[in-house]
Amino acid sequence: MFMLHGRLAARTGHRDDLLAILSEVGAGDAMPGCRLYLVAVDPTDPDGVWVTEVWESEEAHRASLELDAVKAQIARATPVLDPAGFRRQQLDARAGIPG
C-alpha cells in the first residue's frame, strides 16, 4: 500500500473552488489502483483542503498522474493553489484499509 495525506492550500477566498475541483475525480474506475480518495475540510481553516489517498502501490499513484482527467484537474486547480501552504505526509498504512 501507498498512502498520502496532506493539506493543499487555496489562495485566499478560493477554498470552495479548490474543493469543487478536487471532488470531481474519485476512487474506483476513475483512478485504477486507488483504494481511497478522500477530500475534507477543517472548518477552522478557511484556505485548506485536506486529501487522503490510499493506493495499491506507488506505481499506481504515479500512473494516475498521467490520466487525462487528472491532468485536466491539476490544470484547473493550479490557478487557485497557494503552494506555500502545502503540507504532505507519505504514510505506511497498516490497518483499516478499504477493500
PDB file of N, CA and C in Angstrom:
ATOM      1  N   MET A   1       0.828  -1.184   0.000  1.00  0.00           N
ATOM      2  CA  MET A   1       0.000   0.000   0.000  1.00  0.00           C
ATOM      3  C   MET A   1       0.874   1.249   0.000  1.00  0.00           C
ATOM      4  N   PHE A   2       0.339   2.273  -0.603  1.00  0.00           N
ATOM      5  CA  PHE A   2       0.992   3.579  -0.649  1.00  0.00           C
ATOM      6  C   PHE A   2      -0.048   4.605  -0.221  1.00  0.00           C
ATOM      7  N   MET A   3       0.283   5.407   0.774  1.00  0.00           N
ATOM      8  CA  MET A   3      -0.688   6.349   1.330  1.00  0.00           C
ATOM      9  C   MET A   3      -0.102   7.745   1.386  1.00  0.00           C
ATOM     10  N   LEU A   4      -0.898   8.711   0.968  1.00  0.00           N
ATOM     11  CA  LEU A   4      -0.532  10.117   1.067  1.00  0.00           C
ATOM     12  C   LEU A   4      -1.621  10.853   1.837  1.00  0.00           C
ATOM     13  N   HIS A   5      -1.206  11.792   2.646  1.00  0.00           N
ATOM     14  CA  HIS A   5      -2.152  12.625   3.381  1.00  0.00           C
ATOM     15  C   HIS A   5      -1.562  14.027   3.409  1.00  0.00           C
ATOM     16  N   GLY A   6      -2.365  14.994   3.071  1.00  0.00           N
ATOM     17  CA  GLY A   6      -1.802  16.331   3.097  1.00  0.00           C
ATOM     18  C   GLY A   6      -2.823  17.431   2.947  1.00  0.00           C
ATOM     19  N   ARG A   7      -2.325  18.624   3.191  1.00  0.00           N
ATOM     20  CA  ARG A   7      -3.132  19.835   3.090  1.00  0.00           C
ATOM     21  C   ARG A   7      -2.707  20.584   1.837  1.00  0.00           C
ATOM     22  N   LEU A   8      -3.684  20.848   0.991  1.00  0.00           N
ATOM     23  CA  LEU A   8      -3.483  21.737  -0.138  1.00  0.00           C
ATOM     24  C   LEU A   8      -4.044  23.090   0.279  1.00  0.00           C
ATOM     25  N   ALA A   9      -3.353  24.132  -0.051  1.00  0.00           N
ATOM     26  CA  ALA A   9      -3.811  25.470   0.313  1.00  0.00           C
ATOM     27  C   ALA A   9      -4.360  26.178  -0.914  1.00  0.00           C
ATOM     28  N   ALA A  10      -5.511  26.777  -0.722  1.00  0.00           N
ATOM     29  CA  ALA A  10      -6.090  27.608  -1.777  1.00  0.00           C
ATOM     30  C   ALA A  10      -5.665  29.052  -1.541  1.00  0.00           C
ATOM     31  N   ARG A  11      -5.608  29.799  -2.614  1.00  0.00           N
ATOM     32  CA  ARG A  11      -5.407  31.241  -2.454  1.00  0.00           C
ATOM     33  C   ARG A  11      -6.600  31.769  -1.668  1.00  0.00           C
ATOM     34  N   THR A  12      -6.391  32.815  -0.897  1.00  0.00           N
ATOM     35  CA  THR A  12      -7.444  33.363  -0.034  1.00  0.00           C
ATOM     36  C   THR A  12      -8.743  33.552  -0.822  1.00  0.00           C
ATOM     37  N   GLY A  13      -9.810  32.992  -0.255  1.00  0.00           N
ATOM     38  CA  GLY A  13     -11.134  33.118  -0.856  1.00  0.00           C
ATOM     39  C   GLY A  13     -11.469  32.094  -1.921  1.00  0.00           C
ATOM     40  N   HIS A  14     -10.570  31.152  -2.188  1.00  0.00           N
ATOM     41  CA  HIS A  14     -10.795  30.177  -3.257  1.00  0.00           C
ATOM     42  C   HIS A  14     -10.896  28.734  -2.769  1.00  0.00           C
ATOM     43  N   ARG A  15     -11.104  28.526  -1.475  1.00  0.00           N
ATOM     44  CA  ARG A  15     -11.181  27.150  -0.985  1.00  0.00           C
ATOM     45  C   ARG A  15     -12.322  26.380  -1.632  1.00  0.00           C
ATOM     46  N   ASP A  16     -13.489  27.011  -1.784  1.00  0.00           N
ATOM     47  CA  ASP A  16     -14.613  26.291  -2.381  1.00  0.00           C
ATOM     48  C   ASP A  16     -14.338  25.923  -3.828  1.00  0.00           C
ATOM     49  N   ASP A  17     -13.603  26.785  -4.544  1.00  0.00           N
ATOM     50  CA  ASP A  17     -13.221  26.456  -5.923  1.00  0.00           C
ATOM     51  C   ASP A  17     -12.319  25.227  -5.937  1.00  0.00           C
ATOM     52  N   LEU A  18     -11.318  25.220  -5.061  1.00  0.00           N
ATOM     53  CA  LEU A  18     -10.401  24.082  -4.991  1.00  0.00           C
ATOM     54  C   LEU A  18     -11.143  22.824  -4.563  1.00  0.00           C
ATOM     55  N   LEU A  19     -12.012  22.935  -3.599  1.00  0.00           N
ATOM     56  CA  LEU A  19     -12.789  21.795  -3.122  1.00  0.00           C
ATOM     57  C   LEU A  19     -13.621  21.195  -4.253  1.00  0.00           C
ATOM     58  N   ALA A  20     -14.250  22.032  -5.043  1.00  0.00           N
ATOM     59  CA  ALA A  20     -15.065  21.539  -6.162  1.00  0.00           C
ATOM     60  C   ALA A  20     -14.203  20.803  -7.189  1.00  0.00           C
ATOM     61  N   ILE A  21     -13.044  21.341  -7.497  1.00  0.00           N
ATOM     62  CA  ILE A  21     -12.157  20.705  -8.476  1.00  0.00           C
ATOM     63  C   ILE A  21     -11.668  19.355  -7.964  1.00  0.00           C
ATOM     64  N   LEU A  22     -11.233  19.305  -6.713  1.00  0.00           N
ATOM     65  CA  LEU A  22     -10.706  18.060  -6.150  1.00  0.00           C
ATOM     66  C   LEU A  22     -11.790  17.000  -5.973  1.00  0.00           C
ATOM     67  N   SER A  23     -13.027  17.422  -5.877  1.00  0.00           N
ATOM     68  CA  SER A  23     -14.133  16.482  -5.683  1.00  0.00           C
ATOM     69  C   SER A  23     -14.591  15.837  -6.982  1.00  0.00           C
ATOM     70  N   GLU A  24     -14.074  16.294  -8.113  1.00  0.00           N
ATOM     71  CA  GLU A  24     -14.504  15.767  -9.409  1.00  0.00           C
ATOM     72  C   GLU A  24     -14.001  14.363  -9.686  1.00  0.00           C
ATOM     73  N   VAL A  25     -12.789  14.051  -9.269  1.00  0.00           N
ATOM     74  CA  VAL A  25     -12.196  12.745  -9.558  1.00  0.00           C
ATOM     75  C   VAL A  25     -12.165  11.937  -8.270  1.00  0.00           C
ATOM     76  N   GLY A  26     -12.699  10.725  -8.315  1.00  0.00           N
ATOM     77  CA  GLY A  26     -12.722   9.890  -7.118  1.00  0.00           C
ATOM     78  C   GLY A  26     -12.099   8.542  -7.361  1.00  0.00           C
ATOM     79  N   ALA A  27     -12.217   7.675  -6.393  1.00  0.00           N
ATOM     80  CA  ALA A  27     -11.620   6.346  -6.464  1.00  0.00           C
ATOM     81  C   ALA A  27     -12.389   5.445  -7.428  1.00  0.00           C
ATOM     82  N   GLY A  28     -11.924   4.243  -7.548  1.00  0.00           N
ATOM     83  CA  GLY A  28     -12.605   3.249  -8.366  1.00  0.00           C
ATOM     84  C   GLY A  28     -12.132   3.290  -9.805  1.00  0.00           C
ATOM     85  N   ASP A  29     -13.068   3.155 -10.737  1.00  0.00           N
ATOM     86  CA  ASP A  29     -12.724   3.096 -12.153  1.00  0.00           C
ATOM     87  C   ASP A  29     -12.039   4.368 -12.638  1.00  0.00           C
ATOM     88  N   ALA A  30     -12.349   5.507 -12.002  1.00  0.00           N
ATOM     89  CA  ALA A  30     -11.762   6.775 -12.438  1.00  0.00           C
ATOM     90  C   ALA A  30     -10.247   6.781 -12.247  1.00  0.00           C
ATOM     91  N   MET A  31      -9.764   6.117 -11.207  1.00  0.00           N
ATOM     92  CA  MET A  31      -8.333   6.071 -10.922  1.00  0.00           C
ATOM     93  C   MET A  31      -7.954   4.642 -10.532  1.00  0.00           C
ATOM     94  N   PRO A  32      -7.574   3.823 -11.514  1.00  0.00           N
ATOM     95  CA  PRO A  32      -7.217   2.431 -11.222  1.00  0.00           C
ATOM     96  C   PRO A  32      -6.127   2.336 -10.157  1.00  0.00           C
ATOM     97  N   GLY A  33      -6.334   1.426  -9.220  1.00  0.00           N
ATOM     98  CA  GLY A  33      -5.365   1.224  -8.156  1.00  0.00           C
ATOM     99  C   GLY A  33      -5.612   2.083  -6.934  1.00  0.00           C
ATOM    100  N   CYS A  34      -6.600   2.967  -7.011  1.00  0.00           N
ATOM    101  CA  CYS A  34      -6.904   3.836  -5.874  1.00  0.00           C
ATOM    102  C   CYS A  34      -7.930   3.159  -4.979  1.00  0.00           C
ATOM    103  N   ARG A  35      -7.582   2.972  -3.721  1.00  0.00           N
ATOM    104  CA  ARG A  35      -8.485   2.350  -2.759  1.00  0.00           C
ATOM    105  C   ARG A  35      -9.314   3.395  -2.018  1.00  0.00           C
ATOM    106  N   LEU A  36      -8.737   4.595  -1.848  1.00  0.00           N
ATOM    107  CA  LEU A  36      -9.437   5.660  -1.118  1.00  0.00           C
ATOM    108  C   LEU A  36      -8.931   7.003  -1.614  1.00  0.00           C
ATOM    109  N   TYR A  37      -9.853   7.885  -1.914  1.00  0.00           N
ATOM    110  CA  TYR A  37      -9.528   9.266  -2.275  1.00  0.00           C
ATOM    111  C   TYR A  37     -10.528  10.119  -1.524  1.00  0.00           C
ATOM    112  N   LEU A  38     -10.092  10.695  -0.427  1.00  0.00           N
ATOM    113  CA  LEU A  38     -10.973  11.423   0.482  1.00  0.00           C
ATOM    114  C   LEU A  38     -10.577  12.889   0.498  1.00  0.00           C
ATOM    115  N   VAL A  39     -11.542  13.753   0.261  1.00  0.00           N
ATOM    116  CA  VAL A  39     -11.331  15.195   0.272  1.00  0.00           C
ATOM    117  C   VAL A  39     -12.119  15.752   1.461  1.00  0.00           C
ATOM    118  N   ALA A  40     -11.446  16.553   2.291  1.00  0.00           N
ATOM    119  CA  ALA A  40     -12.086  17.054   3.507  1.00  0.00           C
ATOM    120  C   ALA A  40     -11.644  18.485   3.786  1.00  0.00           C
ATOM    121  N   VAL A  41     -12.410  19.150   4.643  1.00  0.00           N
ATOM    122  CA  VAL A  41     -12.032  20.489   5.089  1.00  0.00           C
ATOM    123  C   VAL A  41     -12.049  20.536   6.608  1.00  0.00           C
ATOM    124  N   ASP A  42     -11.260  21.449   7.136  1.00  0.00           N
ATOM    125  CA  ASP A  42     -11.251  21.774   8.557  1.00  0.00           C
ATOM    126  C   ASP A  42     -12.018  23.089   8.682  1.00  0.00           C
ATOM    127  N   PRO A  43     -13.142  23.094   9.397  1.00  0.00           N
ATOM    128  CA  PRO A  43     -13.952  24.303   9.468  1.00  0.00           C
ATOM    129  C   PRO A  43     -13.210  25.510  10.051  1.00  0.00           C
ATOM    130  N   THR A  44     -12.097  25.268  10.740  1.00  0.00           N
ATOM    131  CA  THR A  44     -11.343  26.390  11.322  1.00  0.00           C
ATOM    132  C   THR A  44     -10.230  26.879  10.405  1.00  0.00           C
ATOM    133  N   ASP A  45     -10.091  26.270   9.225  1.00  0.00           N
ATOM    134  CA  ASP A  45      -9.024  26.601   8.285  1.00  0.00           C
ATOM    135  C   ASP A  45      -9.661  27.058   6.968  1.00  0.00           C
ATOM    136  N   PRO A  46      -9.816  28.362   6.763  1.00  0.00           N
ATOM    137  CA  PRO A  46     -10.578  28.853   5.607  1.00  0.00           C
ATOM    138  C   PRO A  46      -9.921  28.632   4.246  1.00  0.00           C
ATOM    139  N   ASP A  47      -8.635  28.289   4.207  1.00  0.00           N
ATOM    140  CA  ASP A  47      -7.948  28.136   2.927  1.00  0.00           C
ATOM    141  C   ASP A  47      -7.468  26.721   2.647  1.00  0.00           C
ATOM    142  N   GLY A  48      -7.607  25.803   3.603  1.00  0.00           N
ATOM    143  CA  GLY A  48      -7.056  24.467   3.443  1.00  0.00           C
ATOM    144  C   GLY A  48      -8.059  23.435   2.980  1.00  0.00           C
ATOM    145  N   VAL A  49      -7.587  22.515   2.145  1.00  0.00           N
ATOM    146  CA  VAL A  49      -8.340  21.330   1.743  1.00  0.00           C
ATOM    147  C   VAL A  49      -7.424  20.146   1.988  1.00  0.00           C
ATOM    148  N   TRP A  50      -7.904  19.185   2.749  1.00  0.00           N
ATOM    149  CA  TRP A  50      -7.124  18.001   3.102  1.00  0.00           C
ATOM    150  C   TRP A  50      -7.484  16.850   2.184  1.00  0.00           C
ATOM    151  N   VAL A  51      -6.476  16.135   1.714  1.00  0.00           N
ATOM    152  CA  VAL A  51      -6.691  14.994   0.823  1.00  0.00           C
ATOM    153  C   VAL A  51      -5.957  13.787   1.404  1.00  0.00           C
ATOM    154  N   THR A  52      -6.671  12.681   1.489  1.00  0.00           N
ATOM    155  CA  THR A  52      -6.092  11.414   1.922  1.00  0.00           C
ATOM    156  C   THR A  52      -6.276  10.418   0.789  1.00  0.00           C
ATOM    157  N   GLU A  53      -5.188   9.774   0.395  1.00  0.00           N
ATOM    158  CA  GLU A  53      -5.226   8.814  -0.708  1.00  0.00           C
ATOM    159  C   GLU A  53      -4.568   7.511  -0.264  1.00  0.00           C
ATOM    160  N   VAL A  54      -5.199   6.400  -0.592  1.00  0.00           N
ATOM    161  CA  VAL A  54      -4.610   5.082  -0.381  1.00  0.00           C
ATOM    162  C   VAL A  54      -4.588   4.386  -1.735  1.00  0.00           C
ATOM    163  N   TRP A  55      -3.391   3.955  -2.113  1.00  0.00           N
ATOM    164  CA  TRP A  55      -3.165   3.330  -3.413  1.00  0.00           C
ATOM    165  C   TRP A  55      -2.640   1.911  -3.233  1.00  0.00           C
ATOM    166  N   GLU A  56      -2.894   1.070  -4.217  1.00  0.00           N
ATOM    167  CA  GLU A  56      -2.354  -0.290  -4.188  1.00  0.00           C
ATOM    168  C   GLU A  56      -0.833  -0.268  -4.223  1.00  0.00           C
ATOM    169  N   SER A  57      -0.261   0.747  -4.883  1.00  0.00           N
ATOM    170  CA  SER A  57       1.191   0.850  -4.968  1.00  0.00           C
ATOM    171  C   SER A  57       1.571   2.283  -5.329  1.00  0.00           C
ATOM    172  N   GLU A  58       2.825   2.604  -5.114  1.00  0.00           N
ATOM    173  CA  GLU A  58       3.329   3.917  -5.523  1.00  0.00           C
ATOM    174  C   GLU A  58       3.259   4.063  -7.047  1.00  0.00           C
ATOM    175  N   GLU A  59       3.453   2.966  -7.747  1.00  0.00           N
ATOM    176  CA  GLU A  59       3.378   2.988  -9.205  1.00  0.00           C
ATOM    177  C   GLU A  59       1.972   3.340  -9.675  1.00  0.00           C
ATOM    178  N   ALA A  60       0.946   2.808  -8.999  1.00  0.00           N
ATOM    179  CA  ALA A  60      -0.443   3.134  -9.360  1.00  0.00           C
ATOM    180  C   ALA A  60      -0.704   4.625  -9.166  1.00  0.00           C
ATOM    181  N   HIS A  61      -0.154   5.182  -8.099  1.00  0.00           N
ATOM    182  CA  HIS A  61      -0.309   6.622  -7.877  1.00  0.00           C
ATOM    183  C   HIS A  61       0.364   7.407  -9.000  1.00  0.00           C
ATOM    184  N   ARG A  62       1.597   7.036  -9.316  1.00  0.00           N
ATOM    185  CA  ARG A  62       2.324   7.731 -10.395  1.00  0.00           C
ATOM    186  C   ARG A  62       1.561   7.638 -11.718  1.00  0.00           C
ATOM    187  N   ALA A  63       1.003   6.463 -12.001  1.00  0.00           N
ATOM    188  CA  ALA A  63       0.254   6.268 -13.245  1.00  0.00           C
ATOM    189  C   ALA A  63      -0.987   7.160 -13.282  1.00  0.00           C
ATOM    190  N   SER A  64      -1.594   7.397 -12.133  1.00  0.00           N
ATOM    191  CA  SER A  64      -2.790   8.238 -12.104  1.00  0.00           C
ATOM    192  C   SER A  64      -2.486   9.658 -12.555  1.00  0.00           C
ATOM    193  N   LEU A  65      -1.267  10.106 -12.326  1.00  0.00           N
ATOM    194  CA  LEU A  65      -0.883  11.463 -12.708  1.00  0.00           C
ATOM    195  C   LEU A  65      -0.769  11.620 -14.225  1.00  0.00           C
ATOM    196  N   GLU A  66      -0.802  10.489 -14.951  1.00  0.00           N
ATOM    197  CA  GLU A  66      -0.748  10.521 -16.414  1.00  0.00           C
ATOM    198  C   GLU A  66      -2.132  10.444 -17.055  1.00  0.00           C
ATOM    199  N   LEU A  67      -3.180  10.243 -16.240  1.00  0.00           N
ATOM    200  CA  LEU A  67      -4.535  10.176 -16.780  1.00  0.00           C
ATOM    201  C   LEU A  67      -4.979  11.556 -17.250  1.00  0.00           C
ATOM    202  N   ASP A  68      -5.652  11.608 -18.401  1.00  0.00           N
ATOM    203  CA  ASP A  68      -6.107  12.890 -18.945  1.00  0.00           C
ATOM    204  C   ASP A  68      -6.998  13.641 -17.960  1.00  0.00           C
ATOM    205  N   ALA A  69      -7.901  12.930 -17.277  1.00  0.00           N
ATOM    206  CA  ALA A  69      -8.801  13.591 -16.331  1.00  0.00           C
ATOM    207  C   ALA A  69      -8.030  14.208 -15.167  1.00  0.00           C
ATOM    208  N   VAL A  70      -7.005  13.517 -14.693  1.00  0.00           N
ATOM    209  CA  VAL A  70      -6.210  14.036 -13.584  1.00  0.00           C
ATOM    210  C   VAL A  70      -5.361  15.221 -14.039  1.00  0.00           C
ATOM    211  N   LYS A  71      -4.788  15.123 -15.233  1.00  0.00           N
ATOM    212  CA  LYS A  71      -4.014  16.249 -15.772  1.00  0.00           C
ATOM    213  C   LYS A  71      -4.894  17.488 -15.918  1.00  0.00           C
ATOM    214  N   ALA A  72      -6.120  17.296 -16.398  1.00  0.00           N
ATOM    215  CA  ALA A  72      -7.045  18.421 -16.557  1.00  0.00           C
ATOM    216  C   ALA A  72      -7.427  18.998 -15.199  1.00  0.00           C
ATOM    217  N   GLN A  73      -7.614  18.137 -14.224  1.00  0.00           N
ATOM    218  CA  GLN A  73      -7.949  18.582 -12.869  1.00  0.00           C
ATOM    219  C   GLN A  73      -6.808  19.416 -12.290  1.00  0.00           C
ATOM    220  N   ILE A  74      -5.595  18.976 -12.464  1.00  0.00           N
ATOM    221  CA  ILE A  74      -4.429  19.717 -11.970  1.00  0.00           C
ATOM    222  C   ILE A  74      -4.340  21.076 -12.656  1.00  0.00           C
ATOM    223  N   ALA A  75      -4.574  21.100 -13.950  1.00  0.00           N
ATOM    224  CA  ALA A  75      -4.507  22.366 -14.702  1.00  0.00           C
ATOM    225  C   ALA A  75      -5.564  23.357 -14.206  1.00  0.00           C
ATOM    226  N   ARG A  76      -6.763  22.865 -13.882  1.00  0.00           N
ATOM    227  CA  ARG A  76      -7.816  23.753 -13.374  1.00  0.00           C
ATOM    228  C   ARG A  76      -7.523  24.222 -11.958  1.00  0.00           C
ATOM    229  N   ALA A  77      -6.866  23.377 -11.163  1.00  0.00           N
ATOM    230  CA  ALA A  77      -6.590  23.723  -9.771  1.00  0.00           C
ATOM    231  C   ALA A  77      -5.411  24.679  -9.620  1.00  0.00           C
ATOM    232  N   THR A  78      -4.449  24.598 -10.510  1.00  0.00           N
ATOM    233  CA  THR A  78      -3.214  25.372 -10.367  1.00  0.00           C
ATOM    234  C   THR A  78      -3.439  26.867 -10.118  1.00  0.00           C
ATOM    235  N   PRO A  79      -4.345  27.541 -10.825  1.00  0.00           N
ATOM    236  CA  PRO A  79      -4.511  28.983 -10.586  1.00  0.00           C
ATOM    237  C   PRO A  79      -5.039  29.347  -9.199  1.00  0.00           C
ATOM    238  N   VAL A  80      -5.701  28.430  -8.511  1.00  0.00           N
ATOM    239  CA  VAL A  80      -6.257  28.755  -7.189  1.00  0.00           C
ATOM    240  C   VAL A  80      -5.399  28.216  -6.045  1.00  0.00           C
ATOM    241  N   LEU A  81      -4.303  27.539  -6.362  1.00  0.00           N
ATOM    242  CA  LEU A  81      -3.443  26.958  -5.333  1.00  0.00           C
ATOM    243  C   LEU A  81      -2.424  27.962  -4.793  1.00  0.00           C
ATOM    244  N   ASP A  82      -2.114  27.798  -3.509  1.00  0.00           N
ATOM    245  CA  ASP A  82      -1.041  28.557  -2.849  1.00  0.00           C
ATOM    246  C   ASP A  82      -0.016  27.535  -2.354  1.00  0.00           C
ATOM    247  N   PRO A  83       1.004  27.235  -3.161  1.00  0.00           N
ATOM    248  CA  PRO A  83       1.972  26.186  -2.803  1.00  0.00           C
ATOM    249  C   PRO A  83       2.664  26.412  -1.459  1.00  0.00           C
ATOM    250  N   ALA A  84       2.734  27.632  -0.990  1.00  0.00           N
ATOM    251  CA  ALA A  84       3.395  27.902   0.295  1.00  0.00           C
ATOM    252  C   ALA A  84       2.656  27.255   1.460  1.00  0.00           C
ATOM    253  N   GLY A  85       1.381  26.938   1.286  1.00  0.00           N
ATOM    254  CA  GLY A  85       0.601  26.356   2.373  1.00  0.00           C
ATOM    255  C   GLY A  85       0.451  24.856   2.309  1.00  0.00           C
ATOM    256  N   PHE A  86       1.192  24.204   1.423  1.00  0.00           N
ATOM    257  CA  PHE A  86       1.086  22.754   1.287  1.00  0.00           C
ATOM    258  C   PHE A  86       1.802  22.047   2.427  1.00  0.00           C
ATOM    259  N   ARG A  87       1.219  20.932   2.878  1.00  0.00           N
ATOM    260  CA  ARG A  87       1.865  20.005   3.804  1.00  0.00           C
ATOM    261  C   ARG A  87       1.561  18.607   3.295  1.00  0.00           C
ATOM    262  N   ARG A  88       2.549  17.754   3.241  1.00  0.00           N
ATOM    263  CA  ARG A  88       2.337  16.404   2.706  1.00  0.00           C
ATOM    264  C   ARG A  88       3.052  15.385   3.573  1.00  0.00           C
ATOM    265  N   GLN A  89       2.374  14.269   3.789  1.00  0.00           N
ATOM    266  CA  GLN A  89       2.961  13.150   4.518  1.00  0.00           C
ATOM    267  C   GLN A  89       2.768  11.895   3.687  1.00  0.00           C
ATOM    268  N   GLN A  90       3.811  11.118   3.571  1.00  0.00           N
ATOM    269  CA  GLN A  90       3.681   9.778   2.999  1.00  0.00           C
ATOM    270  C   GLN A  90       3.656   8.841   4.186  1.00  0.00           C
ATOM    271  N   LEU A  91       2.606   8.043   4.289  1.00  0.00           N
ATOM    272  CA  LEU A  91       2.410   7.179   5.438  1.00  0.00           C
ATOM    273  C   LEU A  91       2.414   5.720   5.015  1.00  0.00           C
ATOM    274  N   ASP A  92       2.694   4.853   5.951  1.00  0.00           N
ATOM    275  CA  ASP A  92       2.678   3.413   5.741  1.00  0.00           C
ATOM    276  C   ASP A  92       1.405   2.869   6.403  1.00  0.00           C
ATOM    277  N   ALA A  93       0.369   2.639   5.598  1.00  0.00           N
ATOM    278  CA  ALA A  93      -0.919   2.159   6.124  1.00  0.00           C
ATOM    279  C   ALA A  93      -0.766   0.734   6.649  1.00  0.00           C
ATOM    280  N   ARG A  94      -1.265   0.490   7.844  1.00  0.00           N
ATOM    281  CA  ARG A  94      -1.119  -0.819   8.476  1.00  0.00           C
ATOM    282  C   ARG A  94      -2.428  -1.551   8.744  1.00  0.00           C
ATOM    283  N   ALA A  95      -3.533  -0.815   8.953  1.00  0.00           N
ATOM    284  CA  ALA A  95      -4.806  -1.469   9.256  1.00  0.00           C
ATOM    285  C   ALA A  95      -5.944  -0.560   8.802  1.00  0.00           C
ATOM    286  N   GLY A  96      -7.123  -1.153   8.644  1.00  0.00           N
ATOM    287  CA  GLY A  96      -8.299  -0.372   8.284  1.00  0.00           C
ATOM    288  C   GLY A  96      -8.330   0.076   6.835  1.00  0.00           C
ATOM    289  N   ILE A  97      -7.593  -0.607   5.974  1.00  0.00           N
ATOM    290  CA  ILE A  97      -7.511  -0.231   4.569  1.00  0.00           C
ATOM    291  C   ILE A  97      -8.787  -0.661   3.859  1.00  0.00           C
ATOM    292  N   PRO A  98      -9.455   0.285   3.167  1.00  0.00           N
ATOM    293  CA  PRO A  98     -10.695  -0.072   2.452  1.00  0.00           C
ATOM    294  C   PRO A  98     -10.428  -1.135   1.402  1.00  0.00           C
ATOM    295  N   GLY A  99     -11.390  -2.033   1.212  1.00  0.00           N
ATOM    296  CA  GLY A  99     -11.252  -3.111   0.248  1.00  0.00           C
ATOM    297  C   GLY A  99     -11.698  -2.699  -1.070  1.00  0.00           C
TER     298      GLY A  99
END
